[in-house]
């Protein structure tokens, strides 16, 4: 496995994060956006990094090989009292780094972070039902399929279903 460094972002990473997401959007159809369709520009990404850093129940983890981002994992949570305990997990690894354990390491770090933050007791995610590799990866960490959202994604004229998966954390 390559030498991978994991850390939380600084505002100096904003451009690299935007570039990363715009590239990986074109590497797979499993993301919710296409190539060059990432919704944040650099200034918005700076604000997002600052906002996440101020929240005790949200986090972003970057995976680097040398100085290049090769994966990003996030848990985003609401500040609303009734839902702040639940975080939504997002993860993406550059295609050329698939199968090297980077995604597993990011997920493990996100789960450990969530268990230690004193707020998060549930992590959920959505993934396309036909993304078998991702579904199996999430199951490996204890995520369970909680439901199916029919025709949730439209791609090239074809509809795809999404699984809603959840993990309840032991405190």
C-alpha atoms as a PDB file:
ATOM      1  CA  UNK A   1       0.000   0.000   0.000  1.00  0.00           C
ATOM      2  CA  UNK A   2       1.258   3.523  -0.711  1.00  0.00           C
ATOM      3  CA  UNK A   3       2.351   5.818   2.118  1.00  0.00           C
ATOM      4  CA  UNK A   4      -0.875   7.640   2.945  1.00  0.00           C
ATOM      5  CA  UNK A   5      -1.163  10.570   5.345  1.00  0.00           C
ATOM      6  CA  UNK A   6      -4.565  11.334   6.884  1.00  0.00           C
ATOM      7  CA  UNK A   7      -5.476  14.704   8.321  1.00  0.00           C
ATOM      8  CA  UNK A   8      -8.206  17.269   8.619  1.00  0.00           C
ATOM      9  CA  UNK A   9      -8.156  20.104   6.079  1.00  0.00           C
ATOM     10  CA  UNK A  10      -6.915  23.644   6.459  1.00  0.00           C
ATOM     11  CA  UNK A  11      -8.170  26.537   4.367  1.00  0.00           C
ATOM     12  CA  UNK A  12      -5.021  26.143   2.257  1.00  0.00           C
ATOM     13  CA  UNK A  13      -6.478  22.823   1.018  1.00  0.00           C
ATOM     14  CA  UNK A  14      -9.621  24.418  -0.469  1.00  0.00           C
ATOM     15  CA  UNK A  15      -8.412  24.552  -4.083  1.00  0.00           C
ATOM     16  CA  UNK A  16      -7.104  20.971  -3.955  1.00  0.00           C
ATOM     17  CA  UNK A  17     -10.412  19.743  -2.489  1.00  0.00           C
ATOM     18  CA  UNK A  18     -12.452  21.430  -5.235  1.00  0.00           C
ATOM     19  CA  UNK A  19     -10.079  20.062  -7.897  1.00  0.00           C
ATOM     20  CA  UNK A  20     -10.249  16.555  -6.387  1.00  0.00           C
ATOM     21  CA  UNK A  21     -14.051  16.465  -6.362  1.00  0.00           C
ATOM     22  CA  UNK A  22     -14.264  17.814  -9.915  1.00  0.00           C
ATOM     23  CA  UNK A  23     -11.925  15.052 -11.101  1.00  0.00           C
ATOM     24  CA  UNK A  24     -13.503  12.124  -9.240  1.00  0.00           C
ATOM     25  CA  UNK A  25     -16.955  13.194 -10.395  1.00  0.00           C
ATOM     26  CA  UNK A  26     -15.882  11.967 -13.824  1.00  0.00           C
ATOM     27  CA  UNK A  27     -14.314   8.722 -12.629  1.00  0.00           C
ATOM     28  CA  UNK A  28     -17.507   7.016 -11.486  1.00  0.00           C
ATOM     29  CA  UNK A  29     -21.247   7.202 -11.946  1.00  0.00           C
ATOM     30  CA  UNK A  30     -21.797   6.370  -8.271  1.00  0.00           C
ATOM     31  CA  UNK A  31     -21.329   9.925  -6.978  1.00  0.00           C
ATOM     32  CA  UNK A  32     -24.205  12.393  -6.833  1.00  0.00           C
ATOM     33  CA  UNK A  33     -22.367  14.751  -9.217  1.00  0.00           C
ATOM     34  CA  UNK A  34     -20.548  14.511 -12.533  1.00  0.00           C
ATOM     35  CA  UNK A  35     -17.106  15.735 -13.589  1.00  0.00           C
ATOM     36  CA  UNK A  36     -16.741  19.496 -13.009  1.00  0.00           C
ATOM     37  CA  UNK A  37     -20.126  19.556 -11.273  1.00  0.00           C
ATOM     38  CA  UNK A  38     -18.941  19.848  -7.666  1.00  0.00           C
ATOM     39  CA  UNK A  39     -21.202  22.551  -6.234  1.00  0.00           C
ATOM     40  CA  UNK A  40     -18.615  24.544  -4.269  1.00  0.00           C
ATOM     41  CA  UNK A  41     -16.069  26.981  -5.633  1.00  0.00           C
ATOM     42  CA  UNK A  42     -12.843  27.704  -3.733  1.00  0.00           C
ATOM     43  CA  UNK A  43     -14.327  30.527  -1.629  1.00  0.00           C
ATOM     44  CA  UNK A  44     -17.323  28.361  -0.685  1.00  0.00           C
ATOM     45  CA  UNK A  45     -14.979  25.483   0.159  1.00  0.00           C
ATOM     46  CA  UNK A  46     -12.963  27.762   2.474  1.00  0.00           C
ATOM     47  CA  UNK A  47     -16.190  28.674   4.286  1.00  0.00           C
ATOM     48  CA  UNK A  48     -17.169  24.988   4.473  1.00  0.00           C
ATOM     49  CA  UNK A  49     -13.790  24.059   5.982  1.00  0.00           C
ATOM     50  CA  UNK A  50     -14.183  26.795   8.600  1.00  0.00           C
ATOM     51  CA  UNK A  51     -17.779  25.777   9.395  1.00  0.00           C
ATOM     52  CA  UNK A  52     -16.887  22.098   9.795  1.00  0.00           C
ATOM     53  CA  UNK A  53     -13.937  22.996  12.041  1.00  0.00           C
ATOM     54  CA  UNK A  54     -16.321  24.880  14.355  1.00  0.00           C
ATOM     55  CA  UNK A  55     -18.814  22.001  14.597  1.00  0.00           C
ATOM     56  CA  UNK A  56     -18.203  19.280  17.163  1.00  0.00           C
ATOM     57  CA  UNK A  57     -20.358  16.798  15.231  1.00  0.00           C
ATOM     58  CA  UNK A  58     -19.006  17.232  11.672  1.00  0.00           C
ATOM     59  CA  UNK A  59     -15.608  16.354  10.242  1.00  0.00           C
ATOM     60  CA  UNK A  60     -13.642  16.045   7.008  1.00  0.00           C
ATOM     61  CA  UNK A  61     -10.646  13.754   6.632  1.00  0.00           C
ATOM     62  CA  UNK A  62      -8.251  14.049   3.711  1.00  0.00           C
ATOM     63  CA  UNK A  63      -6.029  11.193   2.532  1.00  0.00           C
ATOM     64  CA  UNK A  64      -2.798  12.272   0.839  1.00  0.00           C
ATOM     65  CA  UNK A  65      -0.119  10.451  -1.080  1.00  0.00           C
ATOM     66  CA  UNK A  66       2.800  12.844  -1.239  1.00  0.00           C
ATOM     67  CA  UNK A  67       1.014  16.195  -1.610  1.00  0.00           C
ATOM     68  CA  UNK A  68      -1.927  14.891  -3.649  1.00  0.00           C
ATOM     69  CA  UNK A  69      -5.401  14.260  -2.236  1.00  0.00           C
ATOM     70  CA  UNK A  70      -6.342  10.668  -3.065  1.00  0.00           C
ATOM     71  CA  UNK A  71      -9.426  10.336  -0.853  1.00  0.00           C
ATOM     72  CA  UNK A  72     -11.858  12.357   1.218  1.00  0.00           C
ATOM     73  CA  UNK A  73     -14.248  11.251   3.931  1.00  0.00           C
ATOM     74  CA  UNK A  74     -16.829  13.381   5.683  1.00  0.00           C
ATOM     75  CA  UNK A  75     -19.451  13.199   8.364  1.00  0.00           C
ATOM     76  CA  UNK A  76     -21.884  16.087   8.187  1.00  0.00           C
ATOM     77  CA  UNK A  77     -24.403  16.676  10.951  1.00  0.00           C
ATOM     78  CA  UNK A  78     -27.097  19.176  11.735  1.00  0.00           C
ATOM     79  CA  UNK A  79     -26.924  21.537  14.687  1.00  0.00           C
ATOM     80  CA  UNK A  80     -30.634  21.010  15.354  1.00  0.00           C
ATOM     81  CA  UNK A  81     -31.224  19.520  18.795  1.00  0.00           C
ATOM     82  CA  UNK A  82     -33.410  16.662  17.547  1.00  0.00           C
ATOM     83  CA  UNK A  83     -31.040  15.495  14.810  1.00  0.00           C
ATOM     84  CA  UNK A  84     -27.522  16.569  15.786  1.00  0.00           C
ATOM     85  CA  UNK A  85     -26.738  13.024  16.997  1.00  0.00           C
ATOM     86  CA  UNK A  86     -27.007  11.679  13.427  1.00  0.00           C
ATOM     87  CA  UNK A  87     -24.272  12.247  10.869  1.00  0.00           C
ATOM     88  CA  UNK A  88     -24.241  11.592   7.148  1.00  0.00           C
ATOM     89  CA  UNK A  89     -21.140   9.837   5.862  1.00  0.00           C
ATOM     90  CA  UNK A  90     -19.636  10.593   2.478  1.00  0.00           C
ATOM     91  CA  UNK A  91     -16.501   9.045   1.057  1.00  0.00           C
ATOM     92  CA  UNK A  92     -14.666   9.013  -2.253  1.00  0.00           C
ATOM     93  CA  UNK A  93     -11.277   7.645  -3.256  1.00  0.00           C
ATOM     94  CA  UNK A  94      -9.593   8.326  -6.589  1.00  0.00           C
ATOM     95  CA  UNK A  95     -10.107   5.418  -8.961  1.00  0.00           C
ATOM     96  CA  UNK A  96      -6.411   4.548  -9.276  1.00  0.00           C
ATOM     97  CA  UNK A  97      -6.301   4.078  -5.479  1.00  0.00           C
ATOM     98  CA  UNK A  98      -9.288   1.724  -5.245  1.00  0.00           C
ATOM     99  CA  UNK A  99      -8.588  -1.630  -3.600  1.00  0.00           C
ATOM    100  CA  UNK A 100      -5.650  -0.349  -1.538  1.00  0.00           C
ATOM    101  CA  UNK A 101      -7.490  -0.071   1.789  1.00  0.00           C
ATOM    102  CA  UNK A 102      -7.675   3.723   1.787  1.00  0.00           C
ATOM    103  CA  UNK A 103     -11.471   3.793   1.897  1.00  0.00           C
ATOM    104  CA  UNK A 104     -11.472   1.353   4.811  1.00  0.00           C
ATOM    105  CA  UNK A 105      -8.955   3.481   6.705  1.00  0.00           C
ATOM    106  CA  UNK A 106     -11.016   6.627   6.143  1.00  0.00           C
ATOM    107  CA  UNK A 107     -14.235   4.930   7.290  1.00  0.00           C
ATOM    108  CA  UNK A 108     -12.505   3.513  10.375  1.00  0.00           C
ATOM    109  CA  UNK A 109     -11.180   6.961  11.284  1.00  0.00           C
ATOM    110  CA  UNK A 110     -14.607   8.542  10.751  1.00  0.00           C
ATOM    111  CA  UNK A 111     -16.285   5.949  12.983  1.00  0.00           C
ATOM    112  CA  UNK A 112     -13.653   6.359  15.711  1.00  0.00           C
ATOM    113  CA  UNK A 113     -14.023  10.146  15.505  1.00  0.00           C
ATOM    114  CA  UNK A 114     -17.825   9.859  15.756  1.00  0.00           C
ATOM    115  CA  UNK A 115     -17.600   7.573  18.795  1.00  0.00           C
ATOM    116  CA  UNK A 116     -15.303  10.048  20.552  1.00  0.00           C
ATOM    117  CA  UNK A 117     -17.056  13.359  19.833  1.00  0.00           C
ATOM    118  CA  UNK A 118     -19.650  12.990  22.589  1.00  0.00           C
ATOM    119  CA  UNK A 119     -22.576  13.776  20.265  1.00  0.00           C
ATOM    120  CA  UNK A 120     -22.844  11.326  17.370  1.00  0.00           C
ATOM    121  CA  UNK A 121     -24.705   8.069  18.062  1.00  0.00           C
ATOM    122  CA  UNK A 122     -25.789   7.261  14.500  1.00  0.00           C
ATOM    123  CA  UNK A 123     -24.105   7.422  11.103  1.00  0.00           C
ATOM    124  CA  UNK A 124     -26.079   7.049   7.911  1.00  0.00           C
ATOM    125  CA  UNK A 125     -25.339   7.100   4.207  1.00  0.00           C
ATOM    126  CA  UNK A 126     -26.953   6.593   0.815  1.00  0.00           C
ATOM    127  CA  UNK A 127     -25.409   4.406  -1.850  1.00  0.00           C
ATOM    128  CA  UNK A 128     -26.669   3.062  -5.125  1.00  0.00           C
ATOM    129  CA  UNK A 129     -27.989  -0.473  -4.779  1.00  0.00           C
ATOM    130  CA  UNK A 130     -25.852  -1.639  -7.709  1.00  0.00           C
ATOM    131  CA  UNK A 131     -22.648  -0.345  -6.080  1.00  0.00           C
ATOM    132  CA  UNK A 132     -21.953  -3.793  -4.657  1.00  0.00           C
ATOM    133  CA  UNK A 133     -18.364  -3.033  -3.607  1.00  0.00           C
ATOM    134  CA  UNK A 134     -19.441  -0.040  -1.549  1.00  0.00           C
ATOM    135  CA  UNK A 135     -22.396  -1.886   0.004  1.00  0.00           C
ATOM    136  CA  UNK A 136     -20.092  -4.724   1.073  1.00  0.00           C
ATOM    137  CA  UNK A 137     -17.500  -2.265   2.425  1.00  0.00           C
ATOM    138  CA  UNK A 138     -20.121  -0.504   4.550  1.00  0.00           C
ATOM    139  CA  UNK A 139     -21.488  -3.843   5.811  1.00  0.00           C
ATOM    140  CA  UNK A 140     -17.942  -4.795   6.857  1.00  0.00           C
ATOM    141  CA  UNK A 141     -18.045  -1.850   9.272  1.00  0.00           C
ATOM    142  CA  UNK A 142     -21.460  -2.783  10.639  1.00  0.00           C
ATOM    143  CA  UNK A 143     -23.728  -0.619   8.495  1.00  0.00           C
ATOM    144  CA  UNK A 144     -27.118  -2.167   7.833  1.00  0.00           C
ATOM    145  CA  UNK A 145     -29.502  -1.565   4.957  1.00  0.00           C
ATOM    146  CA  UNK A 146     -32.428   0.324   6.481  1.00  0.00           C
ATOM    147  CA  UNK A 147     -34.403   1.031   3.334  1.00  0.00           C
ATOM    148  CA  UNK A 148     -34.443   1.536  -0.386  1.00  0.00           C
ATOM    149  CA  UNK A 149     -35.266   4.771  -2.213  1.00  0.00           C
ATOM    150  CA  UNK A 150     -36.759   3.772  -5.568  1.00  0.00           C
ATOM    151  CA  UNK A 151     -35.731   5.627  -8.753  1.00  0.00           C
ATOM    152  CA  UNK A 152     -33.626   8.049  -6.733  1.00  0.00           C
ATOM    153  CA  UNK A 153     -30.922   8.554  -9.348  1.00  0.00           C
ATOM    154  CA  UNK A 154     -31.395   9.214 -13.058  1.00  0.00           C
ATOM    155  CA  UNK A 155     -28.393   8.427 -15.227  1.00  0.00           C
ATOM    156  CA  UNK A 156     -28.422   8.312 -19.020  1.00  0.00           C
ATOM    157  CA  UNK A 157     -32.183   7.833 -19.064  1.00  0.00           C
ATOM    158  CA  UNK A 158     -32.138   4.946 -16.574  1.00  0.00           C
ATOM    159  CA  UNK A 159     -33.335   5.089 -12.972  1.00  0.00           C
ATOM    160  CA  UNK A 160     -31.369   3.578 -10.091  1.00  0.00           C
ATOM    161  CA  UNK A 161     -32.394   2.813  -6.526  1.00  0.00           C
ATOM    162  CA  UNK A 162     -30.455   3.949  -3.450  1.00  0.00           C
ATOM    163  CA  UNK A 163     -29.958   2.054  -0.231  1.00  0.00           C
ATOM    164  CA  UNK A 164     -30.189   4.015   2.985  1.00  0.00           C
ATOM    165  CA  UNK A 165     -27.681   2.414   5.357  1.00  0.00           C
ATOM    166  CA  UNK A 166     -27.162   3.136   9.024  1.00  0.00           C
ATOM    167  CA  UNK A 167     -24.784   2.351  11.850  1.00  0.00           C
ATOM    168  CA  UNK A 168     -25.728   2.792  15.500  1.00  0.00           C
ATOM    169  CA  UNK A 169     -22.667   3.548  17.625  1.00  0.00           C
ATOM    170  CA  UNK A 170     -21.959   1.984  20.980  1.00  0.00           C
ATOM    171  CA  UNK A 171     -21.172   4.652  23.522  1.00  0.00           C
END
